[in-house]
Amino acid sequence: MKDLYKVMKWEEAEDFFIENHLPIVRIVERQNGYEHGEIDGPMRREQWNNWTDALCKAGEISDWQYENWTQPECCEREVSLYKTTPGTRPLF
């Protein structure tokens, strides 16, 4: 991929994922029998990976970002959909 002039930062991607993708993932988790506070980590990680792949293909993030970004905390444990202070989300 060519150099990109403007890319999404990891923090922006995390916020967007939590606010727009995670609610849908939670619905599927509940349908699959997960109780409040339980998560399907593999499904969350797959959703994050699929979404960042789409971002890369659309030129929203660079190849380097795609290959080097870590998965957000919400892929490992439950987090709030809402920030309480800039840059932080409470964990459950």
N, C-alpha and C. Protein backbone atom coordinates (compact mmCIF):
# COMPACT_ATOMS: atom_id res chain seq x y z
N MET A 1 0.85 -1.17 0.00
CA MET A 1 0.00 0.00 0.00
C MET A 1 0.89 1.23 0.00
N LYS A 2 0.46 2.27 -0.67
CA LYS A 2 1.20 3.52 -0.71
C LYS A 2 1.12 4.22 0.64
N ASP A 3 2.03 5.19 0.84
CA ASP A 3 1.98 5.98 2.07
C ASP A 3 0.64 6.70 2.15
N LEU A 4 0.10 6.75 3.34
CA LEU A 4 -1.18 7.41 3.57
C LEU A 4 -0.92 8.77 4.22
N TYR A 5 -1.67 9.77 3.83
CA TYR A 5 -1.48 11.10 4.38
C TYR A 5 -2.15 11.26 5.73
N LYS A 6 -3.26 10.60 5.93
CA LYS A 6 -3.98 10.67 7.20
C LYS A 6 -4.48 9.28 7.53
N VAL A 7 -4.16 8.82 8.73
CA VAL A 7 -4.61 7.50 9.16
C VAL A 7 -5.32 7.62 10.50
N MET A 8 -6.12 6.62 10.80
CA MET A 8 -6.80 6.54 12.08
C MET A 8 -5.78 6.09 13.12
N LYS A 9 -5.80 6.71 14.29
CA LYS A 9 -4.94 6.30 15.39
C LYS A 9 -5.57 5.12 16.11
N TRP A 10 -4.74 4.35 16.82
CA TRP A 10 -5.21 3.17 17.53
C TRP A 10 -6.31 3.53 18.52
N GLU A 11 -6.14 4.62 19.26
CA GLU A 11 -7.13 5.04 20.25
C GLU A 11 -8.47 5.35 19.58
N GLU A 12 -8.42 5.97 18.42
CA GLU A 12 -9.66 6.26 17.68
C GLU A 12 -10.32 4.96 17.22
N ALA A 13 -9.50 4.03 16.77
CA ALA A 13 -10.03 2.75 16.32
C ALA A 13 -10.66 1.99 17.50
N GLU A 14 -9.99 2.01 18.64
CA GLU A 14 -10.54 1.35 19.83
C GLU A 14 -11.88 1.95 20.21
N ASP A 15 -11.95 3.27 20.27
CA ASP A 15 -13.20 3.94 20.62
C ASP A 15 -14.31 3.58 19.65
N PHE A 16 -14.02 3.63 18.36
CA PHE A 16 -15.03 3.31 17.35
C PHE A 16 -15.50 1.87 17.49
N PHE A 17 -14.56 0.97 17.70
CA PHE A 17 -14.89 -0.45 17.84
C PHE A 17 -15.79 -0.67 19.06
N ILE A 18 -15.43 -0.08 20.18
CA ILE A 18 -16.21 -0.27 21.40
C ILE A 18 -17.61 0.34 21.26
N GLU A 19 -17.70 1.48 20.65
CA GLU A 19 -18.99 2.16 20.54
C GLU A 19 -19.87 1.61 19.43
N ASN A 20 -19.30 1.03 18.39
CA ASN A 20 -20.09 0.62 17.23
C ASN A 20 -20.13 -0.88 16.97
N HIS A 21 -19.09 -1.59 17.31
CA HIS A 21 -19.05 -3.03 17.06
C HIS A 21 -19.37 -3.85 18.31
N LEU A 22 -18.85 -3.41 19.46
CA LEU A 22 -19.02 -4.18 20.68
C LEU A 22 -20.49 -4.39 21.07
N PRO A 23 -21.37 -3.40 20.91
CA PRO A 23 -22.78 -3.66 21.26
C PRO A 23 -23.38 -4.84 20.48
N ILE A 24 -23.02 -4.98 19.23
CA ILE A 24 -23.52 -6.09 18.42
C ILE A 24 -22.90 -7.40 18.88
N VAL A 25 -21.60 -7.37 19.18
CA VAL A 25 -20.93 -8.56 19.69
C VAL A 25 -21.59 -9.02 20.98
N ARG A 26 -21.93 -8.07 21.85
CA ARG A 26 -22.59 -8.42 23.12
C ARG A 26 -23.93 -9.10 22.89
N ILE A 27 -24.67 -8.64 21.91
CA ILE A 27 -25.96 -9.27 21.60
C ILE A 27 -25.75 -10.73 21.20
N VAL A 28 -24.77 -10.96 20.34
CA VAL A 28 -24.47 -12.33 19.90
C VAL A 28 -23.99 -13.18 21.08
N GLU A 29 -23.17 -12.59 21.96
CA GLU A 29 -22.72 -13.34 23.14
C GLU A 29 -23.91 -13.78 23.99
N ARG A 30 -24.86 -12.90 24.22
CA ARG A 30 -26.05 -13.24 25.02
C ARG A 30 -26.87 -14.32 24.33
N GLN A 31 -27.00 -14.22 23.00
CA GLN A 31 -27.74 -15.23 22.25
C GLN A 31 -27.05 -16.59 22.34
N ASN A 32 -25.74 -16.57 22.50
CA ASN A 32 -24.96 -17.81 22.61
C ASN A 32 -24.86 -18.32 24.05
N GLY A 33 -25.57 -17.67 24.97
CA GLY A 33 -25.64 -18.16 26.35
C GLY A 33 -24.65 -17.55 27.32
N TYR A 34 -23.89 -16.56 26.91
CA TYR A 34 -22.97 -15.91 27.84
C TYR A 34 -23.77 -15.01 28.77
N GLU A 35 -23.47 -15.09 30.07
CA GLU A 35 -24.15 -14.27 31.07
C GLU A 35 -23.48 -12.91 31.15
N HIS A 36 -24.12 -11.97 31.88
CA HIS A 36 -23.56 -10.64 32.08
C HIS A 36 -22.15 -10.76 32.68
N GLY A 37 -21.21 -10.10 32.07
CA GLY A 37 -19.83 -10.14 32.54
C GLY A 37 -18.98 -11.21 31.90
N GLU A 38 -19.61 -12.23 31.31
CA GLU A 38 -18.86 -13.25 30.59
C GLU A 38 -18.68 -12.78 29.14
N ILE A 39 -17.55 -13.12 28.56
CA ILE A 39 -17.31 -12.71 27.18
C ILE A 39 -16.84 -13.89 26.35
N ASP A 40 -17.01 -13.76 25.05
CA ASP A 40 -16.47 -14.73 24.09
C ASP A 40 -15.23 -14.08 23.49
N GLY A 41 -14.10 -14.26 24.16
CA GLY A 41 -12.85 -13.63 23.74
C GLY A 41 -12.47 -13.93 22.30
N PRO A 42 -12.52 -15.20 21.87
CA PRO A 42 -12.16 -15.48 20.49
C PRO A 42 -13.05 -14.75 19.48
N MET A 43 -14.35 -14.64 19.77
CA MET A 43 -15.23 -13.93 18.85
C MET A 43 -14.89 -12.44 18.81
N ARG A 44 -14.60 -11.87 19.97
CA ARG A 44 -14.24 -10.45 20.02
C ARG A 44 -12.94 -10.19 19.27
N ARG A 45 -11.95 -11.06 19.46
CA ARG A 45 -10.68 -10.88 18.76
C ARG A 45 -10.85 -11.03 17.25
N GLU A 46 -11.67 -11.99 16.84
CA GLU A 46 -11.92 -12.17 15.41
C GLU A 46 -12.63 -10.94 14.83
N GLN A 47 -13.58 -10.40 15.56
CA GLN A 47 -14.28 -9.20 15.08
C GLN A 47 -13.30 -8.03 14.93
N TRP A 48 -12.42 -7.84 15.93
CA TRP A 48 -11.41 -6.78 15.85
C TRP A 48 -10.50 -7.00 14.64
N ASN A 49 -10.03 -8.24 14.46
CA ASN A 49 -9.13 -8.54 13.34
C ASN A 49 -9.82 -8.32 12.00
N ASN A 50 -11.06 -8.74 11.88
CA ASN A 50 -11.80 -8.53 10.62
C ASN A 50 -12.00 -7.05 10.35
N TRP A 51 -12.31 -6.31 11.41
CA TRP A 51 -12.56 -4.88 11.22
C TRP A 51 -11.28 -4.13 10.85
N THR A 52 -10.16 -4.43 11.53
CA THR A 52 -8.92 -3.74 11.17
C THR A 52 -8.44 -4.15 9.78
N ASP A 53 -8.73 -5.37 9.36
CA ASP A 53 -8.42 -5.79 8.00
C ASP A 53 -9.20 -4.93 7.00
N ALA A 54 -10.47 -4.70 7.30
CA ALA A 54 -11.29 -3.86 6.42
C ALA A 54 -10.77 -2.42 6.41
N LEU A 55 -10.34 -1.92 7.57
CA LEU A 55 -9.77 -0.57 7.63
C LEU A 55 -8.53 -0.46 6.75
N CYS A 56 -7.69 -1.47 6.80
CA CYS A 56 -6.46 -1.48 6.01
C CYS A 56 -6.78 -1.51 4.52
N LYS A 57 -7.69 -2.37 4.13
CA LYS A 57 -8.06 -2.47 2.72
C LYS A 57 -8.71 -1.21 2.20
N ALA A 58 -9.37 -0.46 3.10
CA ALA A 58 -10.03 0.79 2.70
C ALA A 58 -9.07 1.99 2.76
N GLY A 59 -7.83 1.76 3.21
CA GLY A 59 -6.86 2.85 3.28
C GLY A 59 -7.05 3.75 4.50
N GLU A 60 -7.79 3.27 5.51
CA GLU A 60 -8.01 4.05 6.73
C GLU A 60 -6.84 3.90 7.70
N ILE A 61 -6.15 2.75 7.63
CA ILE A 61 -4.93 2.53 8.40
C ILE A 61 -3.88 1.95 7.46
N SER A 62 -2.63 2.08 7.84
CA SER A 62 -1.54 1.59 6.99
C SER A 62 -1.32 0.09 7.20
N ASP A 63 -0.56 -0.48 6.30
CA ASP A 63 -0.17 -1.88 6.45
C ASP A 63 0.58 -2.09 7.76
N TRP A 64 1.46 -1.13 8.08
CA TRP A 64 2.23 -1.26 9.32
C TRP A 64 1.30 -1.27 10.52
N GLN A 65 0.32 -0.37 10.55
CA GLN A 65 -0.62 -0.34 11.66
C GLN A 65 -1.37 -1.67 11.77
N TYR A 66 -1.85 -2.15 10.65
CA TYR A 66 -2.60 -3.40 10.63
C TYR A 66 -1.77 -4.55 11.20
N GLU A 67 -0.51 -4.60 10.84
CA GLU A 67 0.36 -5.70 11.26
C GLU A 67 0.87 -5.56 12.69
N ASN A 68 0.84 -4.35 13.24
CA ASN A 68 1.47 -4.11 14.55
C ASN A 68 0.53 -3.70 15.68
N TRP A 69 -0.69 -3.36 15.35
CA TRP A 69 -1.62 -2.97 16.42
C TRP A 69 -1.94 -4.16 17.31
N THR A 70 -2.06 -3.88 18.60
CA THR A 70 -2.51 -4.89 19.55
C THR A 70 -4.03 -4.85 19.62
N GLN A 71 -4.59 -5.89 20.17
CA GLN A 71 -6.04 -5.93 20.34
C GLN A 71 -6.41 -5.16 21.60
N PRO A 72 -7.56 -4.48 21.59
CA PRO A 72 -7.94 -3.68 22.75
C PRO A 72 -8.35 -4.54 23.94
N GLU A 73 -8.37 -3.91 25.10
CA GLU A 73 -8.72 -4.57 26.36
C GLU A 73 -10.09 -5.24 26.28
N CYS A 74 -11.01 -4.67 25.51
CA CYS A 74 -12.37 -5.22 25.44
C CYS A 74 -12.41 -6.61 24.79
N CYS A 75 -11.32 -7.03 24.17
CA CYS A 75 -11.26 -8.38 23.60
C CYS A 75 -10.90 -9.41 24.66
N GLU A 76 -10.47 -8.96 25.81
CA GLU A 76 -10.05 -9.85 26.89
C GLU A 76 -10.95 -9.80 28.11
N ARG A 77 -11.64 -8.67 28.33
CA ARG A 77 -12.53 -8.53 29.48
C ARG A 77 -13.60 -7.50 29.15
N GLU A 78 -14.65 -7.51 29.95
CA GLU A 78 -15.76 -6.60 29.72
C GLU A 78 -15.36 -5.17 30.06
N VAL A 79 -15.75 -4.23 29.24
CA VAL A 79 -15.50 -2.81 29.48
C VAL A 79 -16.80 -2.05 29.25
N SER A 80 -16.84 -0.84 29.76
CA SER A 80 -18.00 0.01 29.55
C SER A 80 -18.02 0.52 28.12
N LEU A 81 -19.21 0.73 27.61
CA LEU A 81 -19.34 1.33 26.27
C LEU A 81 -19.08 2.83 26.30
N TYR A 82 -19.03 3.39 27.49
CA TYR A 82 -18.93 4.84 27.64
C TYR A 82 -17.68 5.22 28.40
N LYS A 83 -17.02 6.27 27.95
CA LYS A 83 -15.85 6.77 28.65
C LYS A 83 -16.32 7.56 29.86
N THR A 84 -15.57 7.43 30.96
CA THR A 84 -15.87 8.23 32.13
C THR A 84 -15.00 9.49 32.16
N THR A 85 -13.77 9.37 31.73
CA THR A 85 -12.88 10.51 31.54
C THR A 85 -12.15 10.27 30.23
N PRO A 86 -11.67 11.34 29.60
CA PRO A 86 -10.98 11.15 28.32
C PRO A 86 -9.89 10.09 28.40
N GLY A 87 -9.98 9.14 27.51
CA GLY A 87 -8.95 8.11 27.39
C GLY A 87 -9.11 6.91 28.31
N THR A 88 -10.20 6.87 29.09
CA THR A 88 -10.36 5.73 30.00
C THR A 88 -11.78 5.17 29.91
N ARG A 89 -11.89 3.89 30.14
CA ARG A 89 -13.17 3.20 30.22
C ARG A 89 -13.11 2.30 31.44
N PRO A 90 -14.15 2.31 32.26
CA PRO A 90 -14.13 1.42 33.42
C PRO A 90 -14.22 -0.04 32.99
N LEU A 91 -13.53 -0.89 33.71
CA LEU A 91 -13.62 -2.33 33.49
C LEU A 91 -14.68 -2.89 34.40
N PHE A 92 -15.27 -4.00 34.00
CA PHE A 92 -16.28 -4.65 34.83
C PHE A 92 -15.69 -5.87 35.49
